[in-house]
């Protein structure tokens, strides 16, 4: 559940893809099993991803002893600004009564319902678990070994890295999650961002929250959280993807939704945009001039410039129209409010 420092862009063909923590853990597990079961410490290993790709991973470290082995793989996130890029993913294996997973240093533990893994379990998601189970089964069958193992996954400096992600807000404590559904990190993935929004909604609903908020950035989030006294887990990492949030809430509703953001992005929402990124939607100044009855607005360059010229009536129109746009996309019964702020965090209008 990592968050980047920038809003994701549309993926470009020139950007280099990378590998998820789940794929790295599966590669480290294969190397550890080779050490444990007598095939030696490999320099590189090949794994099979869920969609059939067969990438090769360099093994950064490996060691073994009496009934244990450990190996590590350094995560390469490609050109994605992932906080886990360069992290060392370690896997330790040792005999057990049954195949099981454990959280080592730097891997979190789930403490709240609503996630794919139940509370009390290490934050190793279902697909990485299945990849590792498949690796154990294949190698155990080939080498005639007992597949009953304890698999402990660790991430070097994972606890510090987790503080830069949304894990604490989701109730994943003590470290990072081992993630991935395809094994592949696609640079600036909109799908990954929206999936994180979905998990935030799931956790909020599972913990009984009836009021959630989606904000376009840190300043609007701070203002909205303080305004309504909301707990951290109610604050969804919406960014520019108001459409992704609203669509998911349509199928997984809560009683109340607050949307907060700056005057520019909220103006685009008021005009009907649901992806608020500057590369994918723009303010229509000609239309804004018409609704505000101010011809000079059509020649302006930013929504802030319009607000500074027109004043409060423009911000009030934005807030009211944004609420109307949201209500049109949400089921009846979800209460909606909008908070429009300036760059300093002052509230310009509410509706």
Protein backbone atom coordinates (compact mmCIF):
# COMPACT_ATOMS: atom_id res chain seq x y z
CA UNK A 1 0.00 0.00 0.00
CA UNK A 2 2.74 2.39 -0.84
CA UNK A 3 2.13 5.95 -1.96
CA UNK A 4 4.37 7.92 -4.26
CA UNK A 5 5.32 11.53 -3.71
CA UNK A 6 3.61 12.56 -6.94
CA UNK A 7 0.26 11.99 -8.56
CA UNK A 8 0.66 9.15 -11.05
CA UNK A 9 1.00 10.01 -14.72
CA UNK A 10 -0.23 8.01 -17.67
CA UNK A 11 2.23 5.21 -18.31
CA UNK A 12 4.63 5.93 -21.18
CA UNK A 13 6.14 3.19 -23.38
CA UNK A 14 9.67 4.37 -22.53
CA UNK A 15 9.23 3.82 -18.81
CA UNK A 16 10.85 0.70 -17.38
CA UNK A 17 8.61 -1.70 -15.47
CA UNK A 18 9.68 -3.34 -12.21
CA UNK A 19 8.76 -6.14 -9.82
CA UNK A 20 6.44 -6.24 -6.83
CA UNK A 21 7.52 -7.14 -3.32
CA UNK A 22 5.54 -10.36 -3.79
CA UNK A 23 7.57 -11.36 -6.85
CA UNK A 24 10.82 -10.54 -5.04
CA UNK A 25 9.71 -12.64 -2.05
CA UNK A 26 8.93 -15.58 -4.33
CA UNK A 27 12.38 -15.28 -5.94
CA UNK A 28 14.08 -15.06 -2.53
CA UNK A 29 12.12 -18.12 -1.40
CA UNK A 30 13.29 -20.15 -4.40
CA UNK A 31 16.90 -19.25 -3.65
CA UNK A 32 16.47 -20.12 0.04
CA UNK A 33 14.94 -23.50 -0.84
CA UNK A 34 17.84 -24.27 -3.17
CA UNK A 35 20.21 -23.66 -0.25
CA UNK A 36 18.07 -25.61 2.24
CA UNK A 37 17.57 -28.59 -0.06
CA UNK A 38 21.13 -28.98 -1.26
CA UNK A 39 21.18 -27.27 -4.66
CA UNK A 40 23.67 -24.62 -3.53
CA UNK A 41 23.54 -20.85 -3.27
CA UNK A 42 22.39 -19.51 -6.68
CA UNK A 43 23.48 -16.24 -8.25
CA UNK A 44 20.19 -15.89 -10.12
CA UNK A 45 16.77 -17.55 -10.01
CA UNK A 46 13.84 -17.68 -12.40
CA UNK A 47 10.24 -17.64 -11.19
CA UNK A 48 6.85 -17.91 -12.85
CA UNK A 49 4.49 -14.97 -12.38
CA UNK A 50 0.68 -15.36 -12.21
CA UNK A 51 0.25 -14.51 -15.90
CA UNK A 52 2.99 -16.82 -17.06
CA UNK A 53 5.95 -14.43 -17.38
CA UNK A 54 9.29 -15.97 -16.36
CA UNK A 55 11.63 -13.20 -15.15
CA UNK A 56 15.08 -13.78 -13.69
CA UNK A 57 16.13 -12.21 -10.38
CA UNK A 58 19.63 -11.63 -9.05
CA UNK A 59 20.15 -13.12 -5.58
CA UNK A 60 21.74 -10.49 -3.34
CA UNK A 61 22.53 -12.75 -0.39
CA UNK A 62 22.15 -16.31 0.78
CA UNK A 63 23.10 -18.39 3.79
CA UNK A 64 22.09 -21.61 5.51
CA UNK A 65 22.64 -23.79 8.52
CA UNK A 66 21.20 -26.77 10.33
CA UNK A 67 17.57 -26.98 9.13
CA UNK A 68 17.35 -23.36 7.97
CA UNK A 69 18.26 -21.20 4.98
CA UNK A 70 17.78 -17.57 4.03
CA UNK A 71 18.13 -15.56 0.83
CA UNK A 72 17.51 -11.99 -0.24
CA UNK A 73 16.52 -10.15 -3.41
CA UNK A 74 16.72 -6.39 -3.93
CA UNK A 75 13.49 -4.94 -5.28
CA UNK A 76 13.70 -3.10 -8.57
CA UNK A 77 10.54 -1.02 -9.08
CA UNK A 78 11.64 0.12 -12.53
CA UNK A 79 10.76 3.75 -13.21
CA UNK A 80 7.88 3.82 -10.71
CA UNK A 81 8.44 6.19 -7.73
CA UNK A 82 7.80 3.36 -5.26
CA UNK A 83 9.12 3.83 -1.73
CA UNK A 84 10.17 0.16 -1.69
CA UNK A 85 12.51 0.51 -4.68
CA UNK A 86 15.91 -0.80 -3.59
CA UNK A 87 14.55 -2.59 -0.52
CA UNK A 88 16.11 -5.94 0.37
CA UNK A 89 13.40 -8.62 0.58
CA UNK A 90 14.56 -11.57 2.68
CA UNK A 91 12.96 -14.98 3.06
CA UNK A 92 13.95 -17.54 5.69
CA UNK A 93 12.74 -21.14 5.51
CA UNK A 94 12.81 -23.86 8.15
CA UNK A 95 10.90 -27.10 8.72
CA UNK A 96 7.50 -26.85 10.44
CA UNK A 97 4.44 -28.99 11.09
CA UNK A 98 2.65 -27.38 8.12
CA UNK A 99 3.31 -24.73 5.51
CA UNK A 100 2.81 -21.34 7.17
CA UNK A 101 3.86 -17.71 6.84
CA UNK A 102 5.41 -15.36 9.39
CA UNK A 103 6.28 -11.66 9.47
CA UNK A 104 9.93 -10.99 10.08
CA UNK A 105 11.47 -7.56 10.77
CA UNK A 106 10.07 -4.92 8.46
CA UNK A 107 6.91 -6.80 7.45
CA UNK A 108 3.67 -5.63 9.01
CA UNK A 109 0.87 -7.43 10.78
CA UNK A 110 -2.78 -6.88 9.90
CA UNK A 111 -4.75 -5.48 12.85
CA UNK A 112 -8.07 -4.43 11.27
CA UNK A 113 -10.71 -6.23 9.22
CA UNK A 114 -11.47 -5.30 5.63
CA UNK A 115 -8.19 -6.32 4.00
CA UNK A 116 -7.57 -9.49 1.96
CA UNK A 117 -5.70 -10.96 4.95
CA UNK A 118 -7.49 -11.32 8.32
CA UNK A 119 -6.33 -9.57 11.51
CA UNK A 120 -3.44 -11.22 13.28
CA UNK A 121 -1.85 -12.50 10.08
CA UNK A 122 1.40 -11.21 8.52
CA UNK A 123 0.71 -8.66 5.79
CA UNK A 124 1.57 -11.00 2.94
CA UNK A 125 -1.22 -10.74 0.38
CA UNK A 126 -3.00 -13.74 -1.18
CA UNK A 127 -1.26 -13.74 -4.58
CA UNK A 128 2.28 -13.60 -3.16
CA UNK A 129 1.30 -16.38 -0.73
CA UNK A 130 0.07 -18.51 -3.61
CA UNK A 131 3.22 -17.82 -5.63
CA UNK A 132 5.30 -19.01 -2.69
CA UNK A 133 3.10 -22.07 -2.07
CA UNK A 134 3.46 -23.00 -5.75
CA UNK A 135 7.23 -22.60 -5.55
CA UNK A 136 7.43 -24.86 -2.51
CA UNK A 137 5.14 -27.47 -4.08
CA UNK A 138 7.08 -27.57 -7.35
CA UNK A 139 10.51 -27.84 -5.73
CA UNK A 140 9.42 -30.28 -3.03
CA UNK A 141 7.91 -32.57 -5.65
CA UNK A 142 10.98 -32.38 -7.89
CA UNK A 143 13.47 -32.98 -5.08
CA UNK A 144 11.38 -35.36 -2.97
CA UNK A 145 11.31 -33.01 0.03
CA UNK A 146 8.74 -32.29 2.75
CA UNK A 147 6.80 -29.10 1.84
CA UNK A 148 5.89 -28.39 5.49
CA UNK A 149 7.83 -25.18 6.08
CA UNK A 150 7.70 -21.95 8.02
CA UNK A 151 8.29 -19.09 5.57
CA UNK A 152 9.37 -15.86 7.24
CA UNK A 153 9.48 -12.74 5.08
CA UNK A 154 11.46 -9.68 6.15
CA UNK A 155 12.26 -6.31 4.58
CA UNK A 156 15.39 -4.41 5.50
CA UNK A 157 14.37 -1.02 6.98
CA UNK A 158 10.75 -1.98 6.30
CA UNK A 159 9.37 -0.32 9.41
CA UNK A 160 10.86 3.03 8.39
CA UNK A 161 9.65 2.62 4.81
CA UNK A 162 6.14 1.73 6.02
CA UNK A 163 5.87 5.15 7.66
CA UNK A 164 5.88 6.61 4.11
CA UNK A 165 2.96 4.43 3.03
CA UNK A 166 -0.72 4.19 3.99
CA UNK A 167 -0.14 0.98 5.96
CA UNK A 168 -0.51 2.56 9.43
CA UNK A 169 -3.80 4.14 8.35
CA UNK A 170 -5.05 0.77 7.10
CA UNK A 171 -4.14 -0.91 10.37
CA UNK A 172 -1.05 -2.72 9.07
CA UNK A 173 1.47 -2.21 11.85
CA UNK A 174 5.17 -2.88 12.19
CA UNK A 175 6.22 -2.76 8.57
CA UNK A 176 5.38 -3.09 4.91
CA UNK A 177 2.95 -5.30 3.05
CA UNK A 178 4.14 -7.96 0.62
CA UNK A 179 1.99 -7.10 -2.38
CA UNK A 180 1.27 -7.85 -6.00
CA UNK A 181 -1.40 -9.42 -8.17
CA UNK A 182 0.63 -9.79 -11.38
CA UNK A 183 4.16 -9.59 -9.96
CA UNK A 184 4.83 -6.58 -12.17
CA UNK A 185 5.06 -2.90 -11.19
CA UNK A 186 3.89 -0.72 -14.05
CA UNK A 187 5.30 2.82 -13.78
CA UNK A 188 2.88 5.43 -12.45
CA UNK A 189 0.09 2.86 -12.44
CA UNK A 190 -3.34 4.45 -12.14
CA UNK A 191 -4.76 0.99 -11.48
CA UNK A 192 -2.49 0.53 -8.46
CA UNK A 193 -3.52 3.92 -7.03
CA UNK A 194 -7.21 3.14 -7.47
CA UNK A 195 -6.73 -0.29 -5.90
CA UNK A 196 -5.29 1.47 -2.85
CA UNK A 197 -8.43 3.65 -2.68
CA UNK A 198 -10.56 0.50 -2.76
CA UNK A 199 -8.65 -1.05 0.15
CA UNK A 200 -9.13 2.15 2.14
CA UNK A 201 -12.88 1.98 1.61
CA UNK A 202 -12.91 -1.71 2.56
CA UNK A 203 -11.10 -1.05 5.83
CA UNK A 204 -13.32 1.93 6.70
CA UNK A 205 -16.47 -0.13 6.15
CA UNK A 206 -15.13 -3.17 7.99
CA UNK A 207 -14.25 -1.07 11.03
CA UNK A 208 -17.73 0.46 11.15
CA UNK A 209 -16.96 3.95 9.89
CA UNK A 210 -19.91 5.75 8.35
CA UNK A 211 -18.12 8.90 7.18
CA UNK A 212 -15.10 8.87 4.85
CA UNK A 213 -13.25 11.63 3.04
CA UNK A 214 -11.31 11.81 -0.21
CA UNK A 215 -8.91 14.69 -0.70
CA UNK A 216 -6.69 15.81 -3.54
CA UNK A 217 -3.62 16.49 -1.40
CA UNK A 218 -2.08 16.78 2.04
CA UNK A 219 -3.33 20.32 2.74
CA UNK A 220 -6.97 19.59 1.93
CA UNK A 221 -6.73 16.33 3.87
CA UNK A 222 -5.49 18.16 6.97
CA UNK A 223 -8.30 20.72 6.70
CA UNK A 224 -11.07 18.17 6.14
CA UNK A 225 -9.86 15.84 8.87
CA UNK A 226 -9.73 18.68 11.37
CA UNK A 227 -13.07 20.09 10.25
CA UNK A 228 -14.93 16.83 10.79
CA UNK A 229 -12.74 15.21 13.48
CA UNK A 230 -12.25 12.11 11.37
CA UNK A 231 -9.88 9.27 12.32
CA UNK A 232 -6.96 8.45 10.06
CA UNK A 233 -8.61 5.37 8.58
CA UNK A 234 -11.49 7.52 7.32
CA UNK A 235 -9.10 9.56 5.15
CA UNK A 236 -8.84 7.93 1.73
CA UNK A 237 -5.83 8.48 -0.52
CA UNK A 238 -7.92 9.82 -3.40
CA UNK A 239 -5.45 12.11 -5.16
CA UNK A 240 -6.84 12.96 -8.58
CA UNK A 241 -9.03 9.86 -8.83
CA UNK A 242 -12.39 11.09 -7.59
CA UNK A 243 -14.05 8.94 -10.23
CA UNK A 244 -12.37 5.78 -8.96
CA UNK A 245 -13.46 6.56 -5.41
CA UNK A 246 -17.05 7.43 -6.31
CA UNK A 247 -17.47 4.40 -8.56
CA UNK A 248 -16.32 2.05 -5.80
CA UNK A 249 -18.54 3.74 -3.20
CA UNK A 250 -21.45 3.17 -5.56
CA UNK A 251 -20.99 -0.58 -5.02
CA UNK A 252 -19.69 -0.37 -1.44
CA UNK A 253 -21.54 2.58 0.10
CA UNK A 254 -21.05 4.49 3.32
CA UNK A 255 -23.44 6.95 4.90
CA UNK A 256 -21.43 10.10 4.23
CA UNK A 257 -18.67 11.25 1.87
CA UNK A 258 -16.66 14.46 2.06
CA UNK A 259 -14.51 15.57 -0.88
CA UNK A 260 -11.88 18.24 -0.30
CA UNK A 261 -9.46 19.99 -2.61
CA UNK A 262 -8.01 23.17 -3.97
CA UNK A 263 -9.94 25.62 -6.11
CA UNK A 264 -8.38 24.37 -9.36
CA UNK A 265 -9.18 20.70 -9.03
CA UNK A 266 -12.58 21.35 -7.50
CA UNK A 267 -13.46 23.59 -10.44
CA UNK A 268 -12.71 20.71 -12.80
CA UNK A 269 -14.92 18.44 -10.69
CA UNK A 270 -17.67 21.07 -10.78
CA UNK A 271 -17.42 21.05 -14.57
CA UNK A 272 -17.80 17.28 -14.74
CA UNK A 273 -14.24 15.89 -14.68
CA UNK A 274 -13.66 12.81 -12.53
CA UNK A 275 -9.92 12.48 -13.24
CA UNK A 276 -8.48 15.72 -11.91
CA UNK A 277 -4.89 15.36 -13.10
CA UNK A 278 -3.63 18.33 -15.12
CA UNK A 279 -2.66 16.04 -17.99
CA UNK A 280 -6.13 14.55 -18.30
CA UNK A 281 -8.59 17.37 -17.58
CA UNK A 282 -8.59 21.15 -17.83
CA UNK A 283 -10.75 24.01 -16.58
CA UNK A 284 -13.10 25.25 -19.30
CA UNK A 285 -12.72 28.99 -18.85
CA UNK A 286 -15.22 29.89 -21.57
CA UNK A 287 -17.91 27.83 -19.84
CA UNK A 288 -16.90 29.28 -16.48
CA UNK A 289 -17.22 32.81 -17.84
CA UNK A 290 -20.73 32.04 -19.00
CA UNK A 291 -21.99 30.58 -15.71
CA UNK A 292 -20.38 33.38 -13.69
CA UNK A 293 -21.57 36.11 -16.04
CA UNK A 294 -18.05 37.56 -16.33
CA UNK A 295 -16.71 37.74 -19.88
CA UNK A 296 -13.14 38.43 -18.76
CA UNK A 297 -12.96 35.00 -17.12
CA UNK A 298 -12.71 33.38 -20.55
CA UNK A 299 -9.25 34.95 -20.97
CA UNK A 300 -7.88 33.83 -17.61
CA UNK A 301 -5.29 31.08 -17.09
CA UNK A 302 -6.07 29.52 -13.70
CA UNK A 303 -9.04 28.91 -11.46
CA UNK A 304 -7.22 30.78 -8.70
CA UNK A 305 -7.05 33.84 -10.95
CA UNK A 306 -10.80 33.55 -11.48
CA UNK A 307 -11.39 33.33 -7.74
CA UNK A 308 -9.15 36.32 -7.06
CA UNK A 309 -11.18 38.31 -9.59
CA UNK A 310 -14.72 37.10 -8.87
CA UNK A 311 -14.34 36.25 -5.20
CA UNK A 312 -16.59 34.13 -3.00
CA UNK A 313 -19.43 33.64 -5.51
CA UNK A 314 -17.08 31.66 -7.76
CA UNK A 315 -15.97 29.34 -4.90
CA UNK A 316 -19.57 28.86 -3.76
CA UNK A 317 -20.61 27.92 -7.32
CA UNK A 318 -17.73 25.43 -7.50
CA UNK A 319 -18.66 23.79 -4.20
CA UNK A 320 -22.36 23.56 -5.00
CA UNK A 321 -21.83 22.28 -8.51
CA UNK A 322 -19.25 19.72 -7.32
CA UNK A 323 -21.80 18.38 -4.85
CA UNK A 324 -24.35 18.10 -7.65
CA UNK A 325 -21.87 16.19 -9.84
CA UNK A 326 -21.09 13.77 -7.01
CA UNK A 327 -24.75 13.20 -6.15
CA UNK A 328 -25.46 12.34 -9.78
CA UNK A 329 -22.85 9.55 -9.61
CA UNK A 330 -23.66 8.16 -6.17
CA UNK A 331 -26.63 6.11 -4.98
CA UNK A 332 -29.35 7.83 -3.02
CA UNK A 333 -28.71 7.69 0.69
CA UNK A 334 -25.06 8.78 0.63
CA UNK A 335 -24.76 12.27 2.06
CA UNK A 336 -22.17 14.37 0.23
CA UNK A 337 -20.34 17.55 1.09
CA UNK A 338 -17.48 19.41 -0.56
CA UNK A 339 -14.80 21.62 0.97
CA UNK A 340 -12.87 24.01 -1.29
CA UNK A 341 -9.60 25.44 0.02
CA UNK A 342 -6.80 27.71 -1.09
CA UNK A 343 -3.11 26.80 -1.06
CA UNK A 344 -2.69 28.01 2.51
CA UNK A 345 -5.48 25.73 3.70
CA UNK A 346 -8.11 28.41 4.21
CA UNK A 347 -11.65 27.30 3.43
CA UNK A 348 -13.03 29.24 0.47
CA UNK A 349 -16.44 27.54 0.32
CA UNK A 350 -18.41 24.53 1.54
CA UNK A 351 -21.54 22.91 0.21
